[in-house]
């Protein structure tokens, strides 16, 4: 009699324990895709909160999405645009402030020029002194015969009053840089005191500047003296009148604010 085998139900049932980790894996993948999708639309603050939430949910002890690069959107983008607008506003404000300072400077120099012109007219210096205001400076031009004897760098006693008067007017505008420049004609000079026109123009500029600086209210650090000799003529040296025009001392009041679009290039006539 054949012996019947008893079937074991447990042996015929398929082991489905693998479904548990498989389901967990699918859950994690779904969560990953949701996060990747959300990254394109959430701002940095919300993304950080989401990262922390997933870290807690997965119980890993560390942020699953820590150190992940985020495309800047939302709040960060708005902040960047606000910073840009703020920078543009500050730039506009600085431009307006500079324009106001330029306008004030223009008014100051026009006022100083008017004072100088009135002094020149009142004291009969119209043929010996000249003032000119352009976009870089206010310049006072004084003929050498007004200040010096021929071949000398000593300021005439009667001309010292002129230097004092100019100094008193400059005192009202103490913040400007002042350059005193000496010029000669092209006639060579060679004496015991001056070996060349360089020395003559230098000493004339320095001596006139020293008289200006007798005024204790003037800031010496804003003054300088330069010598050009015969090399920056304003007229032809071919005539006596031209050479007389080239022999001069210039007092230059330099602008602090220059509009580069309006700067005039001073042409230097050739001989």
C-alpha atoms as a PDB file:
ATOM      1  CA  UNK A   1       0.000   0.000   0.000  1.00  0.00           C
ATOM      2  CA  UNK A   2       1.523   3.122  -1.105  1.00  0.00           C
ATOM      3  CA  UNK A   3       2.102   5.729   1.445  1.00  0.00           C
ATOM      4  CA  UNK A   4       0.515   9.045   0.739  1.00  0.00           C
ATOM      5  CA  UNK A   5       2.593  12.097   1.339  1.00  0.00           C
ATOM      6  CA  UNK A   6       1.008  14.841   3.307  1.00  0.00           C
ATOM      7  CA  UNK A   7       1.473  18.225   1.655  1.00  0.00           C
ATOM      8  CA  UNK A   8       2.951  20.976   3.755  1.00  0.00           C
ATOM      9  CA  UNK A   9       1.099  24.275   3.156  1.00  0.00           C
ATOM     10  CA  UNK A  10       4.098  26.248   4.314  1.00  0.00           C
ATOM     11  CA  UNK A  11       6.341  24.697   1.689  1.00  0.00           C
ATOM     12  CA  UNK A  12       3.970  25.579  -1.143  1.00  0.00           C
ATOM     13  CA  UNK A  13       3.475  29.241  -0.002  1.00  0.00           C
ATOM     14  CA  UNK A  14       5.872  31.664  -1.826  1.00  0.00           C
ATOM     15  CA  UNK A  15       8.122  33.739   0.383  1.00  0.00           C
ATOM     16  CA  UNK A  16       7.023  37.396  -0.044  1.00  0.00           C
ATOM     17  CA  UNK A  17       9.244  38.983   2.568  1.00  0.00           C
ATOM     18  CA  UNK A  18      11.151  40.840  -0.147  1.00  0.00           C
ATOM     19  CA  UNK A  19       8.109  43.066  -0.735  1.00  0.00           C
ATOM     20  CA  UNK A  20       8.770  45.044   2.448  1.00  0.00           C
ATOM     21  CA  UNK A  21      12.196  46.491   1.462  1.00  0.00           C
ATOM     22  CA  UNK A  22      10.956  46.855  -2.115  1.00  0.00           C
ATOM     23  CA  UNK A  23       8.041  48.971  -0.910  1.00  0.00           C
ATOM     24  CA  UNK A  24      10.407  51.049   1.230  1.00  0.00           C
ATOM     25  CA  UNK A  25      12.637  51.610  -1.775  1.00  0.00           C
ATOM     26  CA  UNK A  26       9.699  52.762  -3.887  1.00  0.00           C
ATOM     27  CA  UNK A  27       8.650  55.113  -1.097  1.00  0.00           C
ATOM     28  CA  UNK A  28      12.145  56.627  -0.941  1.00  0.00           C
ATOM     29  CA  UNK A  29      12.277  57.041  -4.727  1.00  0.00           C
ATOM     30  CA  UNK A  30       8.873  58.721  -4.691  1.00  0.00           C
ATOM     31  CA  UNK A  31      10.042  61.050  -1.954  1.00  0.00           C
ATOM     32  CA  UNK A  32      13.208  61.830  -3.932  1.00  0.00           C
ATOM     33  CA  UNK A  33      11.262  62.736  -7.075  1.00  0.00           C
ATOM     34  CA  UNK A  34       8.890  64.910  -5.050  1.00  0.00           C
ATOM     35  CA  UNK A  35      11.860  66.777  -3.566  1.00  0.00           C
ATOM     36  CA  UNK A  36      13.539  67.233  -6.943  1.00  0.00           C
ATOM     37  CA  UNK A  37      10.311  68.630  -8.340  1.00  0.00           C
ATOM     38  CA  UNK A  38       9.849  70.912  -5.357  1.00  0.00           C
ATOM     39  CA  UNK A  39      13.423  72.241  -5.694  1.00  0.00           C
ATOM     40  CA  UNK A  40      12.465  74.086  -8.871  1.00  0.00           C
ATOM     41  CA  UNK A  41       9.767  76.166  -7.177  1.00  0.00           C
ATOM     42  CA  UNK A  42      10.507  76.580  -3.466  1.00  0.00           C
ATOM     43  CA  UNK A  43      12.763  79.184  -1.972  1.00  0.00           C
ATOM     44  CA  UNK A  44      15.816  78.425   0.142  1.00  0.00           C
ATOM     45  CA  UNK A  45      14.055  78.733   3.500  1.00  0.00           C
ATOM     46  CA  UNK A  46      11.274  76.289   2.589  1.00  0.00           C
ATOM     47  CA  UNK A  47      13.781  73.891   1.071  1.00  0.00           C
ATOM     48  CA  UNK A  48      15.744  73.866   4.314  1.00  0.00           C
ATOM     49  CA  UNK A  49      12.608  73.064   6.283  1.00  0.00           C
ATOM     50  CA  UNK A  50      11.770  70.228   3.875  1.00  0.00           C
ATOM     51  CA  UNK A  51      15.279  68.826   4.230  1.00  0.00           C
ATOM     52  CA  UNK A  52      14.940  68.730   8.001  1.00  0.00           C
ATOM     53  CA  UNK A  53      11.505  67.114   7.769  1.00  0.00           C
ATOM     54  CA  UNK A  54      12.812  64.291   5.573  1.00  0.00           C
ATOM     55  CA  UNK A  55      15.777  63.835   7.861  1.00  0.00           C
ATOM     56  CA  UNK A  56      13.448  63.253  10.785  1.00  0.00           C
ATOM     57  CA  UNK A  57      11.123  61.006   8.748  1.00  0.00           C
ATOM     58  CA  UNK A  58      13.925  58.749   7.571  1.00  0.00           C
ATOM     59  CA  UNK A  59      15.521  58.785  11.026  1.00  0.00           C
ATOM     60  CA  UNK A  60      19.031  58.841   9.652  1.00  0.00           C
ATOM     61  CA  UNK A  61      20.370  61.296  12.148  1.00  0.00           C
ATOM     62  CA  UNK A  62      21.614  63.641   9.383  1.00  0.00           C
ATOM     63  CA  UNK A  63      19.912  65.731   6.752  1.00  0.00           C
ATOM     64  CA  UNK A  64      19.274  63.655   3.644  1.00  0.00           C
ATOM     65  CA  UNK A  65      19.554  66.757   1.488  1.00  0.00           C
ATOM     66  CA  UNK A  66      22.347  68.526   3.376  1.00  0.00           C
ATOM     67  CA  UNK A  67      25.005  70.284   1.298  1.00  0.00           C
ATOM     68  CA  UNK A  68      22.747  70.090  -1.753  1.00  0.00           C
ATOM     69  CA  UNK A  69      23.113  72.880  -4.306  1.00  0.00           C
ATOM     70  CA  UNK A  70      19.870  74.832  -4.737  1.00  0.00           C
ATOM     71  CA  UNK A  71      18.942  76.955  -7.725  1.00  0.00           C
ATOM     72  CA  UNK A  72      18.311  80.413  -6.350  1.00  0.00           C
ATOM     73  CA  UNK A  73      14.660  81.317  -6.687  1.00  0.00           C
ATOM     74  CA  UNK A  74      11.923  83.014  -4.726  1.00  0.00           C
ATOM     75  CA  UNK A  75      13.165  85.070  -1.794  1.00  0.00           C
ATOM     76  CA  UNK A  76      16.853  85.040  -2.806  1.00  0.00           C
ATOM     77  CA  UNK A  77      15.988  86.270  -6.282  1.00  0.00           C
ATOM     78  CA  UNK A  78      13.833  89.022  -4.812  1.00  0.00           C
ATOM     79  CA  UNK A  79      16.664  90.012  -2.453  1.00  0.00           C
ATOM     80  CA  UNK A  80      19.087  90.219  -5.342  1.00  0.00           C
ATOM     81  CA  UNK A  81      16.723  92.453  -7.283  1.00  0.00           C
ATOM     82  CA  UNK A  82      16.199  94.629  -4.192  1.00  0.00           C
ATOM     83  CA  UNK A  83      19.992  94.969  -3.778  1.00  0.00           C
ATOM     84  CA  UNK A  84      20.307  95.976  -7.431  1.00  0.00           C
ATOM     85  CA  UNK A  85      17.602  98.610  -7.091  1.00  0.00           C
ATOM     86  CA  UNK A  86      19.181  99.878  -3.874  1.00  0.00           C
ATOM     87  CA  UNK A  87      22.576 100.164  -5.593  1.00  0.00           C
ATOM     88  CA  UNK A  88      21.060 102.065  -8.502  1.00  0.00           C
ATOM     89  CA  UNK A  89      19.266 104.393  -6.089  1.00  0.00           C
ATOM     90  CA  UNK A  90      22.529 105.082  -4.217  1.00  0.00           C
ATOM     91  CA  UNK A  91      24.304 105.756  -7.510  1.00  0.00           C
ATOM     92  CA  UNK A  92      21.584 108.195  -8.554  1.00  0.00           C
ATOM     93  CA  UNK A  93      21.812 109.919  -5.171  1.00  0.00           C
ATOM     94  CA  UNK A  94      25.599 110.244  -5.482  1.00  0.00           C
ATOM     95  CA  UNK A  95      25.206 111.695  -8.969  1.00  0.00           C
ATOM     96  CA  UNK A  96      22.696 114.268  -7.724  1.00  0.00           C
ATOM     97  CA  UNK A  97      24.998 115.145  -4.825  1.00  0.00           C
ATOM     98  CA  UNK A  98      27.958 115.581  -7.184  1.00  0.00           C
ATOM     99  CA  UNK A  99      25.901 117.790  -9.495  1.00  0.00           C
ATOM    100  CA  UNK A 100      24.909 119.958  -6.531  1.00  0.00           C
ATOM    101  CA  UNK A 101      28.561 120.312  -5.496  1.00  0.00           C
ATOM    102  CA  UNK A 102      29.558 121.166  -9.068  1.00  0.00           C
ATOM    103  CA  UNK A 103      26.859 123.830  -9.184  1.00  0.00           C
ATOM    104  CA  UNK A 104      28.023 125.311  -5.880  1.00  0.00           C
ATOM    105  CA  UNK A 105      31.619 125.348  -7.110  1.00  0.00           C
ATOM    106  CA  UNK A 106      30.571 127.106 -10.310  1.00  0.00           C
ATOM    107  CA  UNK A 107      28.800 129.782  -8.298  1.00  0.00           C
ATOM    108  CA  UNK A 108      31.830 130.230  -6.010  1.00  0.00           C
ATOM    109  CA  UNK A 109      34.262 130.654  -8.900  1.00  0.00           C
ATOM    110  CA  UNK A 110      31.944 133.020 -10.733  1.00  0.00           C
ATOM    111  CA  UNK A 111      31.685 135.114  -7.583  1.00  0.00           C
ATOM    112  CA  UNK A 112      35.481 135.168  -7.159  1.00  0.00           C
ATOM    113  CA  UNK A 113      35.965 136.122 -10.812  1.00  0.00           C
ATOM    114  CA  UNK A 114      33.518 138.989 -10.393  1.00  0.00           C
ATOM    115  CA  UNK A 115      35.448 140.261  -7.355  1.00  0.00           C
ATOM    116  CA  UNK A 116      38.724 140.087  -9.258  1.00  0.00           C
ATOM    117  CA  UNK A 117      37.295 141.857 -12.308  1.00  0.00           C
ATOM    118  CA  UNK A 118      35.904 144.646 -10.133  1.00  0.00           C
ATOM    119  CA  UNK A 119      39.303 145.081  -8.463  1.00  0.00           C
ATOM    120  CA  UNK A 120      41.077 145.146 -11.827  1.00  0.00           C
ATOM    121  CA  UNK A 121      38.656 147.732 -13.188  1.00  0.00           C
ATOM    122  CA  UNK A 122      38.812 149.905 -10.073  1.00  0.00           C
ATOM    123  CA  UNK A 123      42.630 149.953  -9.968  1.00  0.00           C
ATOM    124  CA  UNK A 124      43.266 150.415 -13.681  1.00  0.00           C
ATOM    125  CA  UNK A 125      44.793 146.999 -14.342  1.00  0.00           C
ATOM    126  CA  UNK A 126      42.603 146.110 -17.318  1.00  0.00           C
ATOM    127  CA  UNK A 127      45.567 146.005 -19.719  1.00  0.00           C
ATOM    128  CA  UNK A 128      47.840 144.116 -17.334  1.00  0.00           C
ATOM    129  CA  UNK A 129      45.585 141.537 -15.673  1.00  0.00           C
ATOM    130  CA  UNK A 130      43.069 139.114 -17.084  1.00  0.00           C
ATOM    131  CA  UNK A 131      40.763 136.497 -15.587  1.00  0.00           C
ATOM    132  CA  UNK A 132      39.348 133.480 -17.353  1.00  0.00           C
ATOM    133  CA  UNK A 133      36.987 130.811 -16.050  1.00  0.00           C
ATOM    134  CA  UNK A 134      36.719 127.519 -17.916  1.00  0.00           C
ATOM    135  CA  UNK A 135      35.705 123.962 -17.066  1.00  0.00           C
ATOM    136  CA  UNK A 136      38.952 123.123 -15.309  1.00  0.00           C
ATOM    137  CA  UNK A 137      40.035 126.279 -13.481  1.00  0.00           C
ATOM    138  CA  UNK A 138      39.795 129.996 -12.811  1.00  0.00           C
ATOM    139  CA  UNK A 139      43.017 131.579 -14.042  1.00  0.00           C
ATOM    140  CA  UNK A 140      44.421 135.003 -13.257  1.00  0.00           C
ATOM    141  CA  UNK A 141      47.059 136.152 -15.760  1.00  0.00           C
ATOM    142  CA  UNK A 142      49.415 138.973 -14.741  1.00  0.00           C
ATOM    143  CA  UNK A 143      51.898 140.550 -17.152  1.00  0.00           C
ATOM    144  CA  UNK A 144      55.505 140.497 -16.035  1.00  0.00           C
ATOM    145  CA  UNK A 145      55.890 144.279 -16.366  1.00  0.00           C
ATOM    146  CA  UNK A 146      53.217 144.695 -13.681  1.00  0.00           C
ATOM    147  CA  UNK A 147      55.217 142.668 -11.202  1.00  0.00           C
ATOM    148  CA  UNK A 148      58.900 142.751 -12.133  1.00  0.00           C
ATOM    149  CA  UNK A 149      61.582 144.926 -13.622  1.00  0.00           C
ATOM    150  CA  UNK A 150      63.200 143.565 -16.784  1.00  0.00           C
ATOM    151  CA  UNK A 151      65.342 140.489 -16.049  1.00  0.00           C
ATOM    152  CA  UNK A 152      64.408 140.566 -12.345  1.00  0.00           C
ATOM    153  CA  UNK A 153      62.417 138.201 -10.136  1.00  0.00           C
ATOM    154  CA  UNK A 154      61.858 140.696  -7.327  1.00  0.00           C
ATOM    155  CA  UNK A 155      58.245 141.851  -7.086  1.00  0.00           C
ATOM    156  CA  UNK A 156      57.954 145.641  -7.394  1.00  0.00           C
ATOM    157  CA  UNK A 157      56.973 147.361  -4.127  1.00  0.00           C
ATOM    158  CA  UNK A 158      53.910 148.944  -5.751  1.00  0.00           C
ATOM    159  CA  UNK A 159      52.790 145.526  -7.027  1.00  0.00           C
ATOM    160  CA  UNK A 160      52.856 143.870  -3.639  1.00  0.00           C
ATOM    161  CA  UNK A 161      49.445 145.441  -2.943  1.00  0.00           C
ATOM    162  CA  UNK A 162      48.092 143.466  -5.899  1.00  0.00           C
ATOM    163  CA  UNK A 163      49.361 140.191  -4.440  1.00  0.00           C
ATOM    164  CA  UNK A 164      47.898 141.046  -1.045  1.00  0.00           C
ATOM    165  CA  UNK A 165      44.511 141.876  -2.608  1.00  0.00           C
ATOM    166  CA  UNK A 166      44.456 138.578  -4.518  1.00  0.00           C
ATOM    167  CA  UNK A 167      45.385 136.704  -1.338  1.00  0.00           C
ATOM    168  CA  UNK A 168      42.526 138.369   0.552  1.00  0.00           C
ATOM    169  CA  UNK A 169      40.065 137.223  -2.110  1.00  0.00           C
ATOM    170  CA  UNK A 170      41.470 133.686  -2.158  1.00  0.00           C
ATOM    171  CA  UNK A 171      41.048 133.595   1.611  1.00  0.00           C
ATOM    172  CA  UNK A 172      37.272 133.460   1.116  1.00  0.00           C
ATOM    173  CA  UNK A 173      37.616 130.156  -0.780  1.00  0.00           C
ATOM    174  CA  UNK A 174      40.141 128.129   1.227  1.00  0.00           C
ATOM    175  CA  UNK A 175      39.408 124.675  -0.161  1.00  0.00           C
ATOM    176  CA  UNK A 176      40.857 125.125  -3.643  1.00  0.00           C
ATOM    177  CA  UNK A 177      44.263 124.065  -4.890  1.00  0.00           C
ATOM    178  CA  UNK A 178      46.322 127.039  -6.103  1.00  0.00           C
ATOM    179  CA  UNK A 179      49.141 126.826  -8.655  1.00  0.00           C
ATOM    180  CA  UNK A 180      51.384 129.826  -9.373  1.00  0.00           C
ATOM    181  CA  UNK A 181      53.084 129.404 -12.742  1.00  0.00           C
ATOM    182  CA  UNK A 182      55.953 131.466 -14.212  1.00  0.00           C
ATOM    183  CA  UNK A 183      56.428 131.985 -17.981  1.00  0.00           C
ATOM    184  CA  UNK A 184      58.979 133.851 -20.130  1.00  0.00           C
ATOM    185  CA  UNK A 185      59.457 134.651 -23.804  1.00  0.00           C
ATOM    186  CA  UNK A 186      62.053 132.842 -25.903  1.00  0.00           C
ATOM    187  CA  UNK A 187      64.757 135.479 -25.542  1.00  0.00           C
ATOM    188  CA  UNK A 188      67.695 133.700 -23.872  1.00  0.00           C
ATOM    189  CA  UNK A 189      68.957 134.990 -20.558  1.00  0.00           C
ATOM    190  CA  UNK A 190      72.278 134.265 -18.934  1.00  0.00           C
ATOM    191  CA  UNK A 191      73.232 136.321 -15.915  1.00  0.00           C
ATOM    192  CA  UNK A 192      74.929 135.725 -12.606  1.00  0.00           C
ATOM    193  CA  UNK A 193      71.501 135.220 -11.025  1.00  0.00           C
ATOM    194  CA  UNK A 194      69.698 133.318 -13.801  1.00  0.00           C
ATOM    195  CA  UNK A 195      71.399 130.826 -16.080  1.00  0.00           C
ATOM    196  CA  UNK A 196      68.282 130.346 -18.218  1.00  0.00           C
ATOM    197  CA  UNK A 197      64.612 131.199 -18.581  1.00  0.00           C
ATOM    198  CA  UNK A 198      63.823 128.181 -16.422  1.00  0.00           C
ATOM    199  CA  UNK A 199      65.450 129.819 -13.396  1.00  0.00           C
ATOM    200  CA  UNK A 200      63.871 133.199 -14.126  1.00  0.00           C
ATOM    201  CA  UNK A 201      60.331 131.823 -14.460  1.00  0.00           C
ATOM    202  CA  UNK A 202      60.801 129.636 -11.388  1.00  0.00           C
ATOM    203  CA  UNK A 203      61.998 132.456  -9.132  1.00  0.00           C
ATOM    204  CA  UNK A 204      59.223 134.786 -10.311  1.00  0.00           C
ATOM    205  CA  UNK A 205      56.535 132.193  -9.518  1.00  0.00           C
ATOM    206  CA  UNK A 206      58.014 131.443  -6.094  1.00  0.00           C
ATOM    207  CA  UNK A 207      58.471 135.090  -5.110  1.00  0.00           C
ATOM    208  CA  UNK A 208      54.900 135.999  -6.058  1.00  0.00           C
ATOM    209  CA  UNK A 209      53.539 132.924  -4.247  1.00  0.00           C
ATOM    210  CA  UNK A 210      55.488 133.854  -1.112  1.00  0.00           C
ATOM    211  CA  UNK A 211      53.762 137.236  -1.008  1.00  0.00           C
ATOM    212  CA  UNK A 212      50.360 135.539  -1.336  1.00  0.00           C
ATOM    213  CA  UNK A 213      51.265 133.270   1.576  1.00  0.00           C
ATOM    214  CA  UNK A 214      52.001 136.208   3.859  1.00  0.00           C
ATOM    215  CA  UNK A 215      48.277 135.949   4.506  1.00  0.00           C
ATOM    216  CA  UNK A 216      48.155 133.587   7.529  1.00  0.00           C
ATOM    217  CA  UNK A 217      44.632 132.427   6.656  1.00  0.00           C
ATOM    218  CA  UNK A 218      45.798 130.651   3.496  1.00  0.00           C
ATOM    219  CA  UNK A 219      46.619 126.943   3.697  1.00  0.00           C
ATOM    220  CA  UNK A 220      50.191 126.477   2.468  1.00  0.00           C
ATOM    221  CA  UNK A 221      49.569 122.810   1.684  1.00  0.00           C
ATOM    222  CA  UNK A 222      47.246 123.845  -1.147  1.00  0.00           C
ATOM    223  CA  UNK A 223      49.831 126.023  -2.908  1.00  0.00           C
ATOM    224  CA  UNK A 224      52.539 125.085  -5.377  1.00  0.00           C
ATOM    225  CA  UNK A 225      54.808 126.964  -7.789  1.00  0.00           C
ATOM    226  CA  UNK A 226      55.824 125.734 -11.238  1.00  0.00           C
ATOM    227  CA  UNK A 227      58.116 127.062 -13.962  1.00  0.00           C
ATOM    228  CA  UNK A 228      57.451 126.700 -17.688  1.00  0.00           C
ATOM    229  CA  UNK A 229      60.175 128.972 -19.012  1.00  0.00           C
ATOM    230  CA  UNK A 230      59.529 129.801 -22.680  1.00  0.00           C
ATOM    231  CA  UNK A 231      57.778 126.531 -23.502  1.00  0.00           C
ATOM    232  CA  UNK A 232      54.103 127.420 -23.093  1.00  0.00           C
ATOM    233  CA  UNK A 233      53.651 130.631 -25.102  1.00  0.00           C
ATOM    234  CA  UNK A 234      50.194 132.148 -25.621  1.00  0.00           C
ATOM    235  CA  UNK A 235      51.327 134.367 -28.498  1.00  0.00           C
ATOM    236  CA  UNK A 236      53.983 134.434 -31.177  1.00  0.00           C
ATOM    237  CA  UNK A 237      57.501 135.273 -30.054  1.00  0.00           C
ATOM    238  CA  UNK A 238      58.163 136.823 -33.457  1.00  0.00           C
ATOM    239  CA  UNK A 239      56.960 140.264 -32.284  1.00  0.00           C
ATOM    240  CA  UNK A 240      57.602 142.492 -29.279  1.00  0.00           C
ATOM    241  CA  UNK A 241      53.891 142.453 -28.421  1.00  0.00           C
ATOM    242  CA  UNK A 242      53.791 138.662 -28.556  1.00  0.00           C
ATOM    243  CA  UNK A 243      56.871 138.264 -26.387  1.00  0.00           C
ATOM    244  CA  UNK A 244      55.433 140.730 -23.867  1.00  0.00           C
ATOM    245  CA  UNK A 245      52.239 138.643 -23.714  1.00  0.00           C
ATOM    246  CA  UNK A 246      54.233 135.465 -23.112  1.00  0.00           C
ATOM    247  CA  UNK A 247      56.099 136.975 -20.157  1.00  0.00           C
ATOM    248  CA  UNK A 248      53.555 136.423 -17.419  1.00  0.00           C
ATOM    249  CA  UNK A 249      52.650 134.905 -14.073  1.00  0.00           C
ATOM    250  CA  UNK A 250      49.489 132.812 -13.803  1.00  0.00           C
ATOM    251  CA  UNK A 251      47.540 132.083 -10.629  1.00  0.00           C
ATOM    252  CA  UNK A 252      45.418 129.006 -11.268  1.00  0.00           C
ATOM    253  CA  UNK A 253      42.494 128.142  -8.969  1.00  0.00           C
ATOM    254  CA  UNK A 254      41.856 124.491  -9.772  1.00  0.00           C
ATOM    255  CA  UNK A 255      38.346 123.053  -9.773  1.00  0.00           C
ATOM    256  CA  UNK A 256      37.581 120.136  -7.462  1.00  0.00           C
ATOM    257  CA  UNK A 257      34.749 118.821  -9.632  1.00  0.00           C
ATOM    258  CA  UNK A 258      35.174 118.543 -13.387  1.00  0.00           C
ATOM    259  CA  UNK A 259      32.488 117.581 -15.882  1.00  0.00           C
ATOM    260  CA  UNK A 260      34.547 115.579 -18.360  1.00  0.00           C
ATOM    261  CA  UNK A 261      31.932 116.030 -21.069  1.00  0.00           C
ATOM    262  CA  UNK A 262      32.465 119.797 -20.963  1.00  0.00           C
ATOM    263  CA  UNK A 263      36.214 120.023 -20.452  1.00  0.00           C
ATOM    264  CA  UNK A 264      37.729 122.396 -22.965  1.00  0.00           C
ATOM    265  CA  UNK A 265      41.172 121.642 -24.312  1.00  0.00           C
ATOM    266  CA  UNK A 266      43.239 124.803 -24.181  1.00  0.00           C
ATOM    267  CA  UNK A 267      44.956 125.218 -27.524  1.00  0.00           C
ATOM    268  CA  UNK A 268      48.579 126.368 -27.470  1.00  0.00           C
ATOM    269  CA  UNK A 269      49.388 128.584 -30.486  1.00  0.00           C
ATOM    270  CA  UNK A 270      52.503 127.617 -32.352  1.00  0.00           C
ATOM    271  CA  UNK A 271      55.272 130.123 -33.049  1.00  0.00           C
END
